[in-house]
Amino acid sequence: MQPNVYCKAASWLSPIYVSSKDGNLADIFPTLVGVAISPLSVMGTSGTGLIAGNYKKEIKIAAVVGAVSAAVLVASVVVYRLTRK
């Protein structure tokens, strides 16, 4: 899949084509600085939480997996300490 097609499907801005052979480097530095200052601007959001909103289900699953893993770890440590005597 071409980068411009992928970006369009994801509702992102189109990529900047850079060619040192053609001398097409004029727009790259201001764009890099702008992205470094505000990375969410490239994804079409202004920091309003749209990215997190798109992944609510995945975030919930990750939170549940993390909580269960922490509970299993704590339980394992407690059982190990109690049975070690």
C-alpha atoms as a PDB file:
ATOM      1  CA  MET A   1       0.000   0.000   0.000  1.00  0.00           C
ATOM      2  CA  GLN A   2       1.348   3.401  -0.936  1.00  0.00           C
ATOM      3  CA  PRO A   3       1.973   5.882   1.920  1.00  0.00           C
ATOM      4  CA  ASN A   4      -0.486   8.461   0.591  1.00  0.00           C
ATOM      5  CA  VAL A   5      -3.264   5.850   0.309  1.00  0.00           C
ATOM      6  CA  TYR A   6      -2.563   4.584   3.836  1.00  0.00           C
ATOM      7  CA  CYS A   7      -2.584   8.107   5.274  1.00  0.00           C
ATOM      8  CA  LYS A   8      -5.817   8.945   3.491  1.00  0.00           C
ATOM      9  CA  ALA A   9      -7.474   5.781   4.829  1.00  0.00           C
ATOM     10  CA  ALA A  10      -6.335   6.636   8.359  1.00  0.00           C
ATOM     11  CA  SER A  11      -7.528  10.265   7.989  1.00  0.00           C
ATOM     12  CA  TRP A  12      -3.977  11.562   8.408  1.00  0.00           C
ATOM     13  CA  LEU A  13      -2.232  14.289   6.484  1.00  0.00           C
ATOM     14  CA  SER A  14      -0.496  13.227   3.287  1.00  0.00           C
ATOM     15  CA  PRO A  15       3.218  12.486   3.493  1.00  0.00           C
ATOM     16  CA  ILE A  16       5.698  15.044   2.209  1.00  0.00           C
ATOM     17  CA  TYR A  17       7.684  13.809  -0.737  1.00  0.00           C
ATOM     18  CA  VAL A  18      11.384  14.584  -0.354  1.00  0.00           C
ATOM     19  CA  SER A  19      13.921  14.342  -3.114  1.00  0.00           C
ATOM     20  CA  SER A  20      17.481  15.552  -2.808  1.00  0.00           C
ATOM     21  CA  LYS A  21      17.977  14.814  -6.491  1.00  0.00           C
ATOM     22  CA  ASP A  22      15.187  17.211  -7.482  1.00  0.00           C
ATOM     23  CA  GLY A  23      16.078  19.704  -4.732  1.00  0.00           C
ATOM     24  CA  ASN A  24      12.720  19.252  -2.987  1.00  0.00           C
ATOM     25  CA  LEU A  25      13.957  19.718   0.602  1.00  0.00           C
ATOM     26  CA  ALA A  26      12.586  23.196   1.346  1.00  0.00           C
ATOM     27  CA  ASP A  27       9.477  22.109   3.277  1.00  0.00           C
ATOM     28  CA  ILE A  28      10.931  19.306   5.360  1.00  0.00           C
ATOM     29  CA  PHE A  29      12.583  21.250   8.229  1.00  0.00           C
ATOM     30  CA  PRO A  30       9.562  23.400   9.224  1.00  0.00           C
ATOM     31  CA  THR A  31       7.382  20.306   9.070  1.00  0.00           C
ATOM     32  CA  LEU A  32       9.752  18.307  11.300  1.00  0.00           C
ATOM     33  CA  VAL A  33       9.850  21.133  13.832  1.00  0.00           C
ATOM     34  CA  GLY A  34       6.063  21.425  13.779  1.00  0.00           C
ATOM     35  CA  VAL A  35       5.635  17.702  14.381  1.00  0.00           C
ATOM     36  CA  ALA A  36       8.205  17.762  17.187  1.00  0.00           C
ATOM     37  CA  ILE A  37       6.308  20.582  18.883  1.00  0.00           C
ATOM     38  CA  SER A  38       2.832  19.107  18.401  1.00  0.00           C
ATOM     39  CA  PRO A  39       2.818  15.421  17.390  1.00  0.00           C
ATOM     40  CA  LEU A  40      -0.977  15.111  17.535  1.00  0.00           C
ATOM     41  CA  SER A  41      -1.337  17.719  14.808  1.00  0.00           C
ATOM     42  CA  VAL A  42      -0.155  15.159  12.261  1.00  0.00           C
ATOM     43  CA  MET A  43      -2.886  12.734  13.229  1.00  0.00           C
ATOM     44  CA  GLY A  44      -5.658  15.233  12.701  1.00  0.00           C
ATOM     45  CA  THR A  45      -6.426  15.815  16.380  1.00  0.00           C
ATOM     46  CA  SER A  46      -5.762  18.797  18.563  1.00  0.00           C
ATOM     47  CA  GLY A  47      -5.212  16.947  21.807  1.00  0.00           C
ATOM     48  CA  THR A  48      -8.943  16.464  22.441  1.00  0.00           C
ATOM     49  CA  GLY A  49      -8.634  12.753  23.134  1.00  0.00           C
ATOM     50  CA  LEU A  50      -9.808  11.524  19.742  1.00  0.00           C
ATOM     51  CA  ILE A  51      -6.976   9.034  19.525  1.00  0.00           C
ATOM     52  CA  ALA A  52      -7.785   7.497  22.899  1.00  0.00           C
ATOM     53  CA  GLY A  53     -11.478   7.520  21.980  1.00  0.00           C
ATOM     54  CA  ASN A  54     -10.803   5.341  18.968  1.00  0.00           C
ATOM     55  CA  TYR A  55      -9.108   2.695  21.110  1.00  0.00           C
ATOM     56  CA  LYS A  56     -11.368   2.547  24.184  1.00  0.00           C
ATOM     57  CA  LYS A  57     -11.892  -1.210  23.905  1.00  0.00           C
ATOM     58  CA  GLU A  58      -8.170  -1.929  23.545  1.00  0.00           C
ATOM     59  CA  ILE A  59      -7.330   0.372  26.466  1.00  0.00           C
ATOM     60  CA  LYS A  60      -9.881  -1.402  28.677  1.00  0.00           C
ATOM     61  CA  ILE A  61      -8.496  -4.821  27.705  1.00  0.00           C
ATOM     62  CA  ALA A  62      -4.941  -3.669  28.458  1.00  0.00           C
ATOM     63  CA  ALA A  63      -6.040  -2.313  31.842  1.00  0.00           C
ATOM     64  CA  VAL A  64      -7.780  -5.576  32.756  1.00  0.00           C
ATOM     65  CA  VAL A  65      -4.800  -7.680  31.651  1.00  0.00           C
ATOM     66  CA  GLY A  66      -2.454  -5.443  33.654  1.00  0.00           C
ATOM     67  CA  ALA A  67      -4.642  -5.649  36.764  1.00  0.00           C
ATOM     68  CA  VAL A  68      -4.971  -9.436  36.530  1.00  0.00           C
ATOM     69  CA  SER A  69      -1.218  -9.800  36.001  1.00  0.00           C
ATOM     70  CA  ALA A  70      -0.507  -7.637  39.041  1.00  0.00           C
ATOM     71  CA  ALA A  71      -2.965  -9.654  41.152  1.00  0.00           C
ATOM     72  CA  VAL A  72      -1.377 -12.945  40.066  1.00  0.00           C
ATOM     73  CA  LEU A  73       2.098 -11.598  40.853  1.00  0.00           C
ATOM     74  CA  VAL A  74       1.055 -10.434  44.328  1.00  0.00           C
ATOM     75  CA  ALA A  75      -0.717 -13.722  45.026  1.00  0.00           C
ATOM     76  CA  SER A  76       2.339 -15.674  43.877  1.00  0.00           C
ATOM     77  CA  VAL A  77       4.631 -13.725  46.179  1.00  0.00           C
ATOM     78  CA  VAL A  78       2.280 -14.194  49.139  1.00  0.00           C
ATOM     79  CA  VAL A  79       1.926 -17.947  48.531  1.00  0.00           C
ATOM     80  CA  TYR A  80       5.694 -18.299  48.097  1.00  0.00           C
ATOM     81  CA  ARG A  81       6.415 -16.504  51.354  1.00  0.00           C
ATOM     82  CA  LEU A  82       3.797 -18.496  53.277  1.00  0.00           C
ATOM     83  CA  THR A  83       4.932 -21.889  51.980  1.00  0.00           C
ATOM     84  CA  ARG A  84       8.664 -21.187  52.282  1.00  0.00           C
ATOM     85  CA  LYS A  85       8.759 -21.799  56.034  1.00  0.00           C
END
